[in-house]
Each structure stands twice: as structure tokens, then as C-alpha cells.
């Protein structure tokens, strides 16, 4: 390779602590992403992706947010977060859950429900649905006004099994969310409703 020959390479970057610190972009992050985006001696774009174990927001929203923060266009095909794979065709066995009841944990409010619906899942439940169906599931938690507003009222947990559970992002209230998840795992909700006799 000579100085006039561009290197052949692709790059993957973690976001938190590598490109950003909190809600601030690191100066060198902007510089390197601009370089990879064509502002280099060869005027070439080098492929790169941004990866994070974070989540809880739609990819399109995060890409817009990151594009502004990093001053570089970040497309959805250049970004992966913790739950992106669930919405991709990389795991075709997940298709079996498209029409079955699933529980999604994490995020704020019902954001993760909406993300799962964007991924094609049609019967998406969140912990707030369980709390509002039966507050005794976790007696140390009283459903908030927001949880009551976003809760589905059309699902009877004593009649229908939950086929799968996905953790999209850190739950905001770990204790009851983990209790619900453990109940599903323990009672084998794929064949038996998890909350029968509770």
C-alpha cells in the first residue's frame, strides 16, 4: 500500500465512552467519523457501524439523535442497539412469536411495546399490563397513573399464556419486572398461563 492508496477497512465503534460521554460527543469522535465519511485525503467513505448495549428507544430516533450529536449522518443501517437484532431477519426463529403474546421489559412507559410492534410483533405486553390486571402480582408496587393509562385492558393473564419474554433495555423498576419474568419462566407460561391461581 502506498500513501496514495486508500486502506481497505471497515470500523465498528461502541458508543458510550468511546464516541460519547453522557450526552456529549467526544471531540475526537466527530473528527474520526468525519474522516470516515469522506473528509480524508482520498475523499472516500469508509464503512462503519455504531454499536451499543443500550436500547429502549426506536432506532430511527437514536440515529437522528446521534447524527446531530456527532455531526455525521448516521443511518439505521449503521446502528445497532441491544434489541435491534430482535427486529432483524438475522434470527428467523423469532417469526414464530409475531402473532403470539410476548412480554417486553425495559424502557420508559410503553416505548418498548411500540418498538416491538414496529418490529412486527402484534400481541405485545409490558409489566404495567400485568400490574394493572392484578396488583397482587407485586404488592409492593401500586400502578402509577401513567401505568394505568398505558396498560392494556384486553388481555386476561389467567387465560392466555405468554409465549416469550424479551428484555429490550434496563427495566425502570427491576424488582417487579424480574418477579414477573421469573413467574413466566418458573410456571412455563408457553403452555400454562403464568398467573393461574395467583
N, C-alpha and C. Protein backbone atom coordinates (compact mmCIF):
# COMPACT_ATOMS: atom_id res chain seq x y z
N UNK A 1 0.85 -1.18 0.00
CA UNK A 1 0.00 0.00 0.00
C UNK A 1 0.89 1.24 0.00
N UNK A 2 0.58 2.18 -0.87
CA UNK A 2 1.33 3.42 -0.94
C UNK A 2 0.54 4.51 -0.26
N UNK A 3 1.17 5.65 0.07
CA UNK A 3 0.43 6.74 0.71
C UNK A 3 -0.75 7.23 -0.13
N UNK A 4 -0.73 7.00 -1.43
CA UNK A 4 -1.84 7.47 -2.26
C UNK A 4 -2.93 6.43 -2.40
N UNK A 5 -2.72 5.22 -1.89
CA UNK A 5 -3.72 4.16 -1.95
C UNK A 5 -4.52 4.14 -0.67
N UNK A 6 -5.84 4.26 -0.78
CA UNK A 6 -6.64 4.24 0.45
C UNK A 6 -6.64 2.84 1.08
N UNK A 7 -6.63 2.77 2.39
CA UNK A 7 -6.70 1.46 3.03
C UNK A 7 -8.09 0.86 2.84
N UNK A 8 -8.15 -0.46 2.81
CA UNK A 8 -9.42 -1.16 2.73
C UNK A 8 -9.77 -1.59 4.15
N UNK A 9 -10.82 -1.04 4.68
CA UNK A 9 -11.17 -1.33 6.07
C UNK A 9 -12.61 -0.94 6.34
N UNK A 10 -13.15 -1.53 7.40
CA UNK A 10 -14.45 -1.14 7.92
C UNK A 10 -14.29 -1.05 9.44
N UNK A 11 -15.14 -0.27 10.08
CA UNK A 11 -14.96 0.01 11.50
C UNK A 11 -16.27 -0.19 12.26
N UNK A 12 -16.12 -0.64 13.50
CA UNK A 12 -17.25 -0.76 14.42
C UNK A 12 -16.85 -0.04 15.70
N UNK A 13 -17.74 0.84 16.17
CA UNK A 13 -17.46 1.62 17.38
C UNK A 13 -18.54 1.39 18.42
N UNK A 14 -18.12 1.19 19.65
CA UNK A 14 -19.05 1.28 20.76
C UNK A 14 -19.39 2.77 20.89
N UNK A 15 -20.52 3.09 21.41
CA UNK A 15 -20.92 4.50 21.50
C UNK A 15 -20.54 5.09 22.86
N UNK A 16 -21.09 4.52 23.92
CA UNK A 16 -20.92 5.07 25.26
C UNK A 16 -19.47 4.93 25.75
N UNK A 17 -18.83 6.05 26.00
CA UNK A 17 -17.46 6.06 26.48
C UNK A 17 -16.42 6.04 25.38
N UNK A 18 -16.83 5.78 24.15
CA UNK A 18 -15.91 5.77 23.02
C UNK A 18 -16.16 6.98 22.13
N UNK A 19 -17.42 7.16 21.75
CA UNK A 19 -17.79 8.31 20.91
C UNK A 19 -18.48 9.41 21.73
N UNK A 20 -19.14 8.99 22.79
CA UNK A 20 -19.85 9.96 23.62
C UNK A 20 -19.50 9.73 25.08
N UNK A 21 -19.72 10.76 25.85
CA UNK A 21 -19.60 10.67 27.31
C UNK A 21 -20.85 11.34 27.85
N UNK A 22 -21.76 10.52 28.35
CA UNK A 22 -23.05 11.06 28.75
C UNK A 22 -23.78 11.55 27.50
N UNK A 23 -24.26 12.77 27.56
CA UNK A 23 -24.97 13.33 26.40
C UNK A 23 -24.07 14.23 25.56
N UNK A 24 -22.76 14.11 25.74
CA UNK A 24 -21.80 14.93 24.99
C UNK A 24 -20.96 14.06 24.06
N UNK A 25 -20.73 14.56 22.86
CA UNK A 25 -19.83 13.87 21.92
C UNK A 25 -18.40 14.21 22.28
N UNK A 26 -17.55 13.22 22.21
CA UNK A 26 -16.13 13.47 22.42
C UNK A 26 -15.56 14.11 21.15
N UNK A 27 -14.72 15.14 21.27
CA UNK A 27 -14.22 15.86 20.09
C UNK A 27 -13.56 14.95 19.05
N UNK A 28 -12.77 13.99 19.51
CA UNK A 28 -12.10 13.11 18.56
C UNK A 28 -13.10 12.21 17.83
N UNK A 29 -14.27 11.97 18.42
CA UNK A 29 -15.30 11.16 17.76
C UNK A 29 -15.81 11.87 16.52
N UNK A 30 -16.10 13.14 16.64
CA UNK A 30 -16.56 13.90 15.47
C UNK A 30 -15.50 13.88 14.38
N UNK A 31 -14.26 14.06 14.79
CA UNK A 31 -13.16 14.12 13.84
C UNK A 31 -13.00 12.79 13.07
N UNK A 32 -13.00 11.67 13.77
CA UNK A 32 -12.81 10.38 13.10
C UNK A 32 -14.01 10.01 12.24
N UNK A 33 -15.23 10.30 12.70
CA UNK A 33 -16.40 9.97 11.89
C UNK A 33 -16.46 10.83 10.63
N UNK A 34 -16.05 12.09 10.73
CA UNK A 34 -15.96 12.93 9.53
C UNK A 34 -14.92 12.37 8.56
N UNK A 35 -13.79 11.93 9.11
CA UNK A 35 -12.73 11.34 8.29
C UNK A 35 -13.26 10.13 7.55
N UNK A 36 -13.97 9.25 8.26
CA UNK A 36 -14.51 8.04 7.64
C UNK A 36 -15.65 8.35 6.66
N UNK A 37 -16.25 9.51 6.81
CA UNK A 37 -17.38 9.90 5.94
C UNK A 37 -16.93 10.67 4.71
N UNK A 38 -15.65 10.62 4.37
CA UNK A 38 -15.19 11.22 3.12
C UNK A 38 -14.29 12.42 3.26
N UNK A 39 -14.16 12.94 4.46
CA UNK A 39 -13.27 14.09 4.67
C UNK A 39 -11.87 13.57 5.00
N UNK A 40 -11.24 12.96 3.98
CA UNK A 40 -9.92 12.36 4.11
C UNK A 40 -9.17 12.60 2.80
N UNK A 41 -7.87 12.30 2.74
CA UNK A 41 -7.09 12.58 1.52
C UNK A 41 -7.63 11.90 0.27
N UNK A 42 -8.34 10.78 0.41
CA UNK A 42 -8.84 10.08 -0.76
C UNK A 42 -10.28 10.45 -1.12
N UNK A 43 -10.92 11.25 -0.28
CA UNK A 43 -12.32 11.64 -0.47
C UNK A 43 -13.23 10.40 -0.56
N UNK A 44 -12.89 9.38 0.21
CA UNK A 44 -13.64 8.13 0.20
C UNK A 44 -14.40 7.94 1.51
N UNK A 45 -15.55 7.28 1.39
CA UNK A 45 -16.30 6.88 2.57
C UNK A 45 -15.84 5.49 2.99
N UNK A 46 -15.55 5.33 4.27
CA UNK A 46 -15.21 4.02 4.81
C UNK A 46 -16.41 3.54 5.62
N UNK A 47 -16.83 2.28 5.41
CA UNK A 47 -18.00 1.79 6.16
C UNK A 47 -17.72 1.70 7.65
N UNK A 48 -18.72 2.10 8.43
CA UNK A 48 -18.63 1.96 9.88
C UNK A 48 -20.01 1.77 10.46
N UNK A 49 -20.03 1.13 11.63
CA UNK A 49 -21.27 0.94 12.37
C UNK A 49 -21.05 1.39 13.81
N UNK A 50 -22.13 1.81 14.43
CA UNK A 50 -22.11 2.19 15.84
C UNK A 50 -22.91 1.15 16.61
N UNK A 51 -22.36 0.68 17.72
CA UNK A 51 -22.96 -0.40 18.49
C UNK A 51 -23.07 0.04 19.95
N UNK A 52 -24.19 -0.32 20.57
CA UNK A 52 -24.36 -0.05 22.00
C UNK A 52 -25.18 -1.16 22.64
N UNK A 53 -24.90 -1.45 23.89
CA UNK A 53 -25.74 -2.39 24.62
C UNK A 53 -26.93 -1.67 25.23
N UNK A 54 -27.04 -0.39 25.00
CA UNK A 54 -28.20 0.38 25.42
C UNK A 54 -29.37 0.08 24.52
N UNK A 55 -30.48 0.69 24.80
CA UNK A 55 -31.68 0.50 23.99
C UNK A 55 -32.83 1.26 24.59
N UNK A 56 -34.03 0.79 24.28
CA UNK A 56 -35.22 1.41 24.85
C UNK A 56 -35.76 2.57 24.04
N UNK A 57 -35.14 2.86 22.91
CA UNK A 57 -35.63 3.91 22.01
C UNK A 57 -35.65 3.34 20.60
N UNK A 58 -36.55 3.80 19.76
CA UNK A 58 -36.55 3.34 18.37
C UNK A 58 -35.24 3.70 17.68
N UNK A 59 -34.79 2.84 16.79
CA UNK A 59 -33.54 3.07 16.07
C UNK A 59 -33.56 4.40 15.32
N UNK A 60 -34.65 4.72 14.66
CA UNK A 60 -34.70 5.96 13.87
C UNK A 60 -34.50 7.19 14.76
N UNK A 61 -35.06 7.12 15.97
CA UNK A 61 -34.90 8.23 16.91
C UNK A 61 -33.45 8.37 17.35
N UNK A 62 -32.83 7.23 17.71
CA UNK A 62 -31.43 7.26 18.15
C UNK A 62 -30.51 7.72 17.03
N UNK A 63 -30.79 7.30 15.79
CA UNK A 63 -29.94 7.72 14.66
C UNK A 63 -30.04 9.22 14.44
N UNK A 64 -31.21 9.78 14.55
CA UNK A 64 -31.38 11.23 14.43
C UNK A 64 -30.63 11.94 15.54
N UNK A 65 -30.78 11.44 16.75
CA UNK A 65 -30.11 11.99 17.92
C UNK A 65 -28.58 11.94 17.76
N UNK A 66 -28.07 10.78 17.35
CA UNK A 66 -26.62 10.62 17.18
C UNK A 66 -26.08 11.44 16.02
N UNK A 67 -26.84 11.53 14.93
CA UNK A 67 -26.40 12.34 13.78
C UNK A 67 -26.18 13.78 14.20
N UNK A 68 -27.10 14.30 14.97
CA UNK A 68 -26.99 15.68 15.45
C UNK A 68 -25.81 15.82 16.42
N UNK A 69 -25.71 14.90 17.35
CA UNK A 69 -24.68 14.96 18.38
C UNK A 69 -23.27 14.80 17.79
N UNK A 70 -23.11 13.87 16.84
CA UNK A 70 -21.80 13.57 16.28
C UNK A 70 -21.49 14.35 15.00
N UNK A 71 -22.50 15.12 14.55
CA UNK A 71 -22.35 15.95 13.34
C UNK A 71 -21.94 15.11 12.13
N UNK A 72 -22.52 13.92 12.05
CA UNK A 72 -22.29 12.99 10.95
C UNK A 72 -23.59 12.22 10.73
N UNK A 73 -23.96 12.02 9.48
CA UNK A 73 -25.19 11.28 9.17
C UNK A 73 -25.03 9.83 9.59
N UNK A 74 -25.91 9.40 10.50
CA UNK A 74 -25.93 8.01 10.97
C UNK A 74 -27.26 7.41 10.52
N UNK A 75 -27.21 6.49 9.57
CA UNK A 75 -28.41 5.82 9.09
C UNK A 75 -28.73 4.60 9.94
N UNK A 76 -29.97 4.12 9.83
CA UNK A 76 -30.37 2.96 10.63
C UNK A 76 -29.56 1.71 10.28
N UNK A 77 -29.02 1.65 9.06
CA UNK A 77 -28.19 0.52 8.67
C UNK A 77 -26.77 0.62 9.24
N UNK A 78 -26.49 1.70 9.96
CA UNK A 78 -25.17 1.93 10.55
C UNK A 78 -25.23 1.86 12.08
N UNK A 79 -26.35 1.40 12.64
CA UNK A 79 -26.57 1.49 14.08
C UNK A 79 -27.20 0.21 14.61
N UNK A 80 -26.67 -0.30 15.72
CA UNK A 80 -27.23 -1.48 16.39
C UNK A 80 -27.27 -1.24 17.88
N UNK A 81 -28.45 -1.48 18.47
CA UNK A 81 -28.55 -1.42 19.93
C UNK A 81 -29.01 -2.78 20.43
N UNK A 82 -29.20 -2.89 21.73
CA UNK A 82 -29.42 -4.20 22.35
C UNK A 82 -30.54 -5.00 21.70
N UNK A 83 -31.61 -4.36 21.29
CA UNK A 83 -32.76 -5.10 20.76
C UNK A 83 -32.88 -5.05 19.24
N UNK A 84 -31.96 -4.41 18.55
CA UNK A 84 -32.04 -4.30 17.09
C UNK A 84 -32.14 -5.68 16.44
N UNK A 85 -31.39 -6.63 16.95
CA UNK A 85 -31.38 -7.97 16.36
C UNK A 85 -32.77 -8.62 16.40
N UNK A 86 -33.59 -8.28 17.39
CA UNK A 86 -34.93 -8.85 17.50
C UNK A 86 -35.80 -8.42 16.32
N UNK A 87 -35.56 -7.25 15.80
CA UNK A 87 -36.33 -6.75 14.67
C UNK A 87 -35.74 -7.07 13.31
N UNK A 88 -34.58 -7.72 13.30
CA UNK A 88 -33.91 -8.02 12.03
C UNK A 88 -34.29 -9.42 11.55
N UNK A 89 -33.89 -9.74 10.37
CA UNK A 89 -34.15 -11.08 9.83
C UNK A 89 -33.00 -12.03 10.16
N UNK A 90 -32.10 -11.62 11.01
CA UNK A 90 -30.96 -12.44 11.39
C UNK A 90 -31.41 -13.65 12.22
N UNK A 91 -32.47 -13.48 12.97
CA UNK A 91 -32.98 -14.56 13.82
C UNK A 91 -34.37 -14.98 13.35
N UNK A 92 -34.46 -15.74 12.25
CA UNK A 92 -35.78 -16.06 11.69
C UNK A 92 -36.67 -16.87 12.62
N UNK A 93 -36.08 -17.59 13.59
CA UNK A 93 -36.93 -18.37 14.51
C UNK A 93 -37.81 -17.47 15.37
N UNK A 94 -37.49 -16.18 15.46
CA UNK A 94 -38.34 -15.26 16.23
C UNK A 94 -39.68 -15.01 15.53
N UNK A 95 -39.76 -15.32 14.24
CA UNK A 95 -41.01 -15.13 13.50
C UNK A 95 -42.17 -15.89 14.13
N UNK A 96 -41.89 -16.99 14.79
CA UNK A 96 -42.96 -17.77 15.41
C UNK A 96 -43.70 -16.99 16.49
N UNK A 97 -43.10 -15.92 16.99
CA UNK A 97 -43.72 -15.12 18.05
C UNK A 97 -44.47 -13.89 17.52
N UNK A 98 -44.47 -13.70 16.23
CA UNK A 98 -45.09 -12.49 15.66
C UNK A 98 -46.56 -12.34 16.06
N UNK A 99 -47.29 -13.43 16.17
CA UNK A 99 -48.72 -13.35 16.49
C UNK A 99 -49.06 -13.87 17.89
N UNK A 100 -48.04 -14.32 18.63
CA UNK A 100 -48.27 -14.84 19.98
C UNK A 100 -48.03 -13.75 21.01
N UNK A 101 -48.65 -13.87 22.19
CA UNK A 101 -48.41 -12.89 23.25
C UNK A 101 -46.95 -12.95 23.73
N UNK A 102 -46.29 -11.80 23.74
CA UNK A 102 -44.92 -11.71 24.27
C UNK A 102 -44.88 -10.59 25.31
N UNK A 103 -43.95 -10.73 26.23
CA UNK A 103 -43.73 -9.71 27.24
C UNK A 103 -42.42 -9.01 26.91
N UNK A 104 -42.42 -7.69 26.92
CA UNK A 104 -41.22 -6.90 26.65
C UNK A 104 -40.92 -6.08 27.89
N UNK A 105 -39.68 -6.18 28.37
CA UNK A 105 -39.24 -5.44 29.56
C UNK A 105 -38.30 -4.33 29.16
N UNK A 106 -38.33 -3.25 29.94
CA UNK A 106 -37.39 -2.16 29.77
C UNK A 106 -37.99 -0.90 29.19
N UNK A 107 -37.17 0.13 29.20
CA UNK A 107 -37.58 1.40 28.62
C UNK A 107 -38.51 2.21 29.51
N UNK A 108 -38.90 3.34 28.99
CA UNK A 108 -39.78 4.27 29.71
C UNK A 108 -41.19 4.12 29.16
N UNK A 109 -42.15 4.04 30.07
CA UNK A 109 -43.55 3.93 29.65
C UNK A 109 -43.76 2.70 28.78
N UNK A 110 -44.43 2.92 27.63
CA UNK A 110 -44.69 1.79 26.72
C UNK A 110 -43.84 1.89 25.45
N UNK A 111 -42.71 2.58 25.55
CA UNK A 111 -41.83 2.74 24.38
C UNK A 111 -41.40 1.40 23.82
N UNK A 112 -41.01 0.48 24.68
CA UNK A 112 -40.54 -0.82 24.19
C UNK A 112 -41.67 -1.64 23.58
N UNK A 113 -42.90 -1.45 24.04
CA UNK A 113 -44.04 -2.10 23.39
C UNK A 113 -44.14 -1.60 21.95
N UNK A 114 -44.03 -0.28 21.78
CA UNK A 114 -44.14 0.29 20.44
C UNK A 114 -42.97 -0.15 19.54
N UNK A 115 -41.78 -0.29 20.12
CA UNK A 115 -40.64 -0.77 19.35
C UNK A 115 -40.91 -2.20 18.88
N UNK A 116 -41.38 -3.05 19.78
CA UNK A 116 -41.68 -4.45 19.42
C UNK A 116 -42.77 -4.49 18.33
N UNK A 117 -43.76 -3.60 18.44
CA UNK A 117 -44.80 -3.55 17.40
C UNK A 117 -44.20 -3.10 16.07
N UNK A 118 -43.27 -2.16 16.11
CA UNK A 118 -42.58 -1.74 14.88
C UNK A 118 -41.81 -2.91 14.26
N UNK A 119 -41.33 -3.82 15.10
CA UNK A 119 -40.61 -5.00 14.62
C UNK A 119 -41.56 -6.06 14.06
N UNK A 120 -42.86 -5.85 14.20
CA UNK A 120 -43.83 -6.79 13.63
C UNK A 120 -44.54 -7.68 14.63
N UNK A 121 -44.24 -7.54 15.92
CA UNK A 121 -44.93 -8.33 16.92
C UNK A 121 -46.31 -7.70 17.16
N UNK A 122 -47.36 -8.52 17.16
CA UNK A 122 -48.71 -7.98 17.20
C UNK A 122 -49.36 -8.00 18.57
N UNK A 123 -48.88 -8.86 19.46
CA UNK A 123 -49.54 -9.02 20.76
C UNK A 123 -48.50 -8.79 21.86
N UNK A 124 -48.18 -7.52 22.09
CA UNK A 124 -47.07 -7.15 22.96
C UNK A 124 -47.58 -6.66 24.31
N UNK A 125 -47.02 -7.25 25.35
CA UNK A 125 -47.37 -6.89 26.72
C UNK A 125 -46.15 -6.31 27.43
N UNK A 126 -46.42 -5.49 28.42
CA UNK A 126 -45.36 -4.91 29.25
C UNK A 126 -45.74 -5.11 30.72
N UNK A 127 -44.80 -4.96 31.64
CA UNK A 127 -45.12 -5.17 33.06
C UNK A 127 -46.32 -4.34 33.55
N UNK A 128 -46.49 -3.14 33.07
CA UNK A 128 -47.63 -2.32 33.50
C UNK A 128 -48.96 -3.02 33.23
N UNK A 129 -49.03 -3.80 32.16
CA UNK A 129 -50.26 -4.55 31.86
C UNK A 129 -50.54 -5.56 32.95
N UNK A 130 -49.48 -6.22 33.44
CA UNK A 130 -49.64 -7.23 34.49
C UNK A 130 -50.06 -6.56 35.79
N UNK A 131 -49.38 -5.47 36.18
CA UNK A 131 -49.71 -4.77 37.43
C UNK A 131 -51.15 -4.29 37.44
N UNK A 132 -51.58 -3.76 36.32
CA UNK A 132 -52.94 -3.20 36.26
C UNK A 132 -53.99 -4.30 36.17
N UNK A 133 -53.60 -5.47 35.70
CA UNK A 133 -54.51 -6.61 35.67
C UNK A 133 -54.70 -7.17 37.07
N UNK A 134 -53.60 -7.26 37.83
CA UNK A 134 -53.67 -7.81 39.19
C UNK A 134 -52.56 -7.19 40.03
N UNK A 135 -52.91 -6.23 40.84
CA UNK A 135 -51.90 -5.52 41.65
C UNK A 135 -51.24 -6.43 42.69
N UNK A 136 -51.82 -7.58 42.96
CA UNK A 136 -51.23 -8.51 43.93
C UNK A 136 -50.03 -9.28 43.38
N UNK A 137 -49.78 -9.19 42.10
CA UNK A 137 -48.61 -9.84 41.50
C UNK A 137 -47.35 -9.32 42.19
N UNK A 138 -47.33 -8.03 42.46
CA UNK A 138 -46.22 -7.42 43.21
C UNK A 138 -46.84 -6.40 44.15
N UNK A 139 -47.21 -6.84 45.36
CA UNK A 139 -47.96 -5.97 46.28
C UNK A 139 -47.19 -4.75 46.77
N UNK A 140 -45.88 -4.71 46.54
CA UNK A 140 -45.09 -3.56 46.98
C UNK A 140 -45.11 -2.43 45.97
N UNK A 141 -45.85 -2.63 44.90
CA UNK A 141 -45.91 -1.61 43.85
C UNK A 141 -47.37 -1.29 43.53
N UNK A 142 -47.71 -0.04 43.61
CA UNK A 142 -49.03 0.41 43.20
C UNK A 142 -48.90 1.02 41.81
N UNK A 143 -49.69 0.57 40.84
CA UNK A 143 -49.58 1.14 39.49
C UNK A 143 -49.74 2.67 39.50
N UNK A 144 -48.83 3.32 38.81
CA UNK A 144 -48.87 4.78 38.71
C UNK A 144 -49.97 5.19 37.75
N UNK A 145 -50.28 6.47 37.72
CA UNK A 145 -51.28 6.98 36.79
C UNK A 145 -50.84 6.71 35.35
N UNK A 146 -49.55 6.91 35.07
CA UNK A 146 -49.04 6.65 33.72
C UNK A 146 -49.20 5.18 33.35
N UNK A 147 -48.87 4.28 34.28
CA UNK A 147 -49.01 2.84 34.00
C UNK A 147 -50.47 2.49 33.74
N UNK A 148 -51.37 3.09 34.49
CA UNK A 148 -52.79 2.81 34.28
C UNK A 148 -53.25 3.32 32.91
N UNK A 149 -52.68 4.44 32.46
CA UNK A 149 -53.07 4.99 31.16
C UNK A 149 -52.55 4.14 30.00
N UNK A 150 -51.36 3.57 30.14
CA UNK A 150 -50.78 2.82 29.02
C UNK A 150 -51.08 1.33 29.06
N UNK A 151 -51.66 0.85 30.16
CA UNK A 151 -51.92 -0.59 30.32
C UNK A 151 -52.99 -1.08 29.35
N UNK A 152 -52.74 -2.26 28.81
CA UNK A 152 -53.76 -2.94 28.00
C UNK A 152 -54.78 -3.55 28.94
N UNK A 153 -56.03 -3.41 28.61
CA UNK A 153 -57.10 -3.98 29.44
C UNK A 153 -57.75 -5.18 28.73
N UNK A 154 -57.28 -5.51 27.54
CA UNK A 154 -57.92 -6.55 26.73
C UNK A 154 -57.25 -7.91 26.85
N UNK A 155 -56.33 -8.06 27.78
CA UNK A 155 -55.59 -9.32 27.90
C UNK A 155 -55.82 -9.91 29.28
N UNK A 156 -56.28 -11.16 29.32
CA UNK A 156 -56.52 -11.85 30.59
C UNK A 156 -55.36 -12.81 30.82
N UNK A 157 -54.49 -12.46 31.75
CA UNK A 157 -53.30 -13.26 32.02
C UNK A 157 -53.63 -14.63 32.61
N UNK A 158 -54.84 -14.80 33.14
CA UNK A 158 -55.21 -16.11 33.69
C UNK A 158 -55.70 -17.05 32.59
N UNK A 159 -55.94 -16.52 31.40
CA UNK A 159 -56.48 -17.32 30.30
C UNK A 159 -55.47 -17.58 29.18
N UNK A 160 -54.57 -16.64 28.96
CA UNK A 160 -53.66 -16.74 27.81
C UNK A 160 -52.21 -16.86 28.27
N UNK A 161 -51.47 -17.79 27.68
CA UNK A 161 -50.05 -17.91 28.03
C UNK A 161 -49.20 -16.86 27.32
N UNK A 162 -48.09 -16.50 27.93
CA UNK A 162 -47.11 -15.62 27.32
C UNK A 162 -46.07 -16.54 26.66
N UNK A 163 -45.87 -16.38 25.37
CA UNK A 163 -45.02 -17.30 24.61
C UNK A 163 -43.54 -17.01 24.75
N UNK A 164 -43.19 -15.74 24.99
CA UNK A 164 -41.77 -15.37 25.08
C UNK A 164 -41.65 -14.06 25.84
N UNK A 165 -40.47 -13.86 26.40
CA UNK A 165 -40.18 -12.59 27.08
C UNK A 165 -38.85 -12.07 26.55
N UNK A 166 -38.81 -10.77 26.30
CA UNK A 166 -37.62 -10.10 25.78
C UNK A 166 -37.25 -8.95 26.70
N UNK A 167 -35.99 -8.83 27.03
CA UNK A 167 -35.51 -7.67 27.79
C UNK A 167 -34.87 -6.74 26.77
N UNK A 168 -35.56 -5.66 26.44
CA UNK A 168 -35.08 -4.70 25.44
C UNK A 168 -34.10 -3.70 26.03
N UNK A 169 -34.30 -3.38 27.28
CA UNK A 169 -33.46 -2.37 27.93
C UNK A 169 -33.59 -2.55 29.43
N UNK A 170 -32.75 -1.86 30.18
CA UNK A 170 -32.85 -1.95 31.64
C UNK A 170 -34.25 -1.57 32.10
N UNK A 171 -34.90 -2.46 32.86
CA UNK A 171 -36.19 -2.07 33.42
C UNK A 171 -36.05 -0.88 34.36
N UNK A 172 -37.05 -0.04 34.42
CA UNK A 172 -37.03 1.12 35.31
C UNK A 172 -37.30 0.70 36.75
N UNK A 173 -37.97 -0.43 36.91
CA UNK A 173 -38.31 -0.92 38.24
C UNK A 173 -37.98 -2.41 38.27
N UNK A 174 -36.73 -2.71 38.56
CA UNK A 174 -36.21 -4.07 38.44
C UNK A 174 -36.99 -5.11 39.23
N UNK A 175 -37.29 -4.84 40.47
CA UNK A 175 -37.87 -5.87 41.35
C UNK A 175 -39.15 -6.48 40.78
N UNK A 176 -40.18 -5.70 40.51
CA UNK A 176 -41.41 -6.33 39.99
C UNK A 176 -41.22 -6.91 38.59
N UNK A 177 -40.39 -6.28 37.77
CA UNK A 177 -40.18 -6.80 36.42
C UNK A 177 -39.51 -8.17 36.46
N UNK A 178 -38.52 -8.31 37.33
CA UNK A 178 -37.85 -9.60 37.47
C UNK A 178 -38.81 -10.63 38.06
N UNK A 179 -39.66 -10.22 39.00
CA UNK A 179 -40.64 -11.15 39.57
C UNK A 179 -41.57 -11.68 38.48
N UNK A 180 -42.06 -10.80 37.63
CA UNK A 180 -42.94 -11.22 36.54
C UNK A 180 -42.21 -12.18 35.61
N UNK A 181 -40.99 -11.83 35.26
CA UNK A 181 -40.20 -12.67 34.36
C UNK A 181 -39.95 -14.05 34.99
N UNK A 182 -39.61 -14.08 36.26
CA UNK A 182 -39.39 -15.36 36.94
C UNK A 182 -40.67 -16.19 37.02
N UNK A 183 -41.80 -15.54 37.24
CA UNK A 183 -43.07 -16.27 37.25
C UNK A 183 -43.32 -16.93 35.90
N UNK A 184 -43.02 -16.21 34.83
CA UNK A 184 -43.22 -16.76 33.49
C UNK A 184 -42.30 -17.96 33.27
N UNK A 185 -41.04 -17.81 33.63
CA UNK A 185 -40.08 -18.90 33.46
C UNK A 185 -40.43 -20.08 34.36
N UNK A 186 -40.73 -19.80 35.61
CA UNK A 186 -40.99 -20.86 36.59
C UNK A 186 -42.24 -21.68 36.25
N UNK A 187 -43.30 -21.00 35.83
CA UNK A 187 -44.56 -21.70 35.58
C UNK A 187 -44.73 -22.13 34.14
N UNK A 188 -43.70 -21.95 33.32
CA UNK A 188 -43.77 -22.43 31.95
C UNK A 188 -44.92 -21.84 31.18
N UNK A 189 -44.95 -20.53 31.08
CA UNK A 189 -46.09 -19.83 30.51
C UNK A 189 -46.36 -20.15 29.05
N UNK A 190 -45.43 -20.82 28.38
CA UNK A 190 -45.69 -21.14 26.99
C UNK A 190 -46.83 -22.16 26.88
N UNK A 191 -46.99 -22.98 27.90
CA UNK A 191 -48.04 -23.99 27.87
C UNK A 191 -49.12 -23.76 28.93
N UNK A 192 -48.80 -22.95 29.92
CA UNK A 192 -49.73 -22.72 31.01
C UNK A 192 -49.70 -21.24 31.38
N UNK A 193 -50.83 -20.60 31.49
CA UNK A 193 -50.79 -19.19 31.87
C UNK A 193 -50.01 -19.01 33.17
N UNK A 194 -49.13 -18.05 33.18
CA UNK A 194 -48.20 -17.87 34.29
C UNK A 194 -48.87 -17.49 35.60
N UNK A 195 -50.00 -16.85 35.50
CA UNK A 195 -50.57 -16.27 36.72
C UNK A 195 -51.84 -16.97 37.17
N UNK A 196 -52.02 -18.23 36.75
CA UNK A 196 -53.17 -19.01 37.18
C UNK A 196 -53.07 -19.26 38.68
N UNK A 197 -54.17 -19.06 39.36
CA UNK A 197 -54.22 -19.34 40.79
C UNK A 197 -53.47 -18.34 41.65
N UNK A 198 -53.16 -17.19 41.11
CA UNK A 198 -52.41 -16.20 41.88
C UNK A 198 -53.38 -15.20 42.47
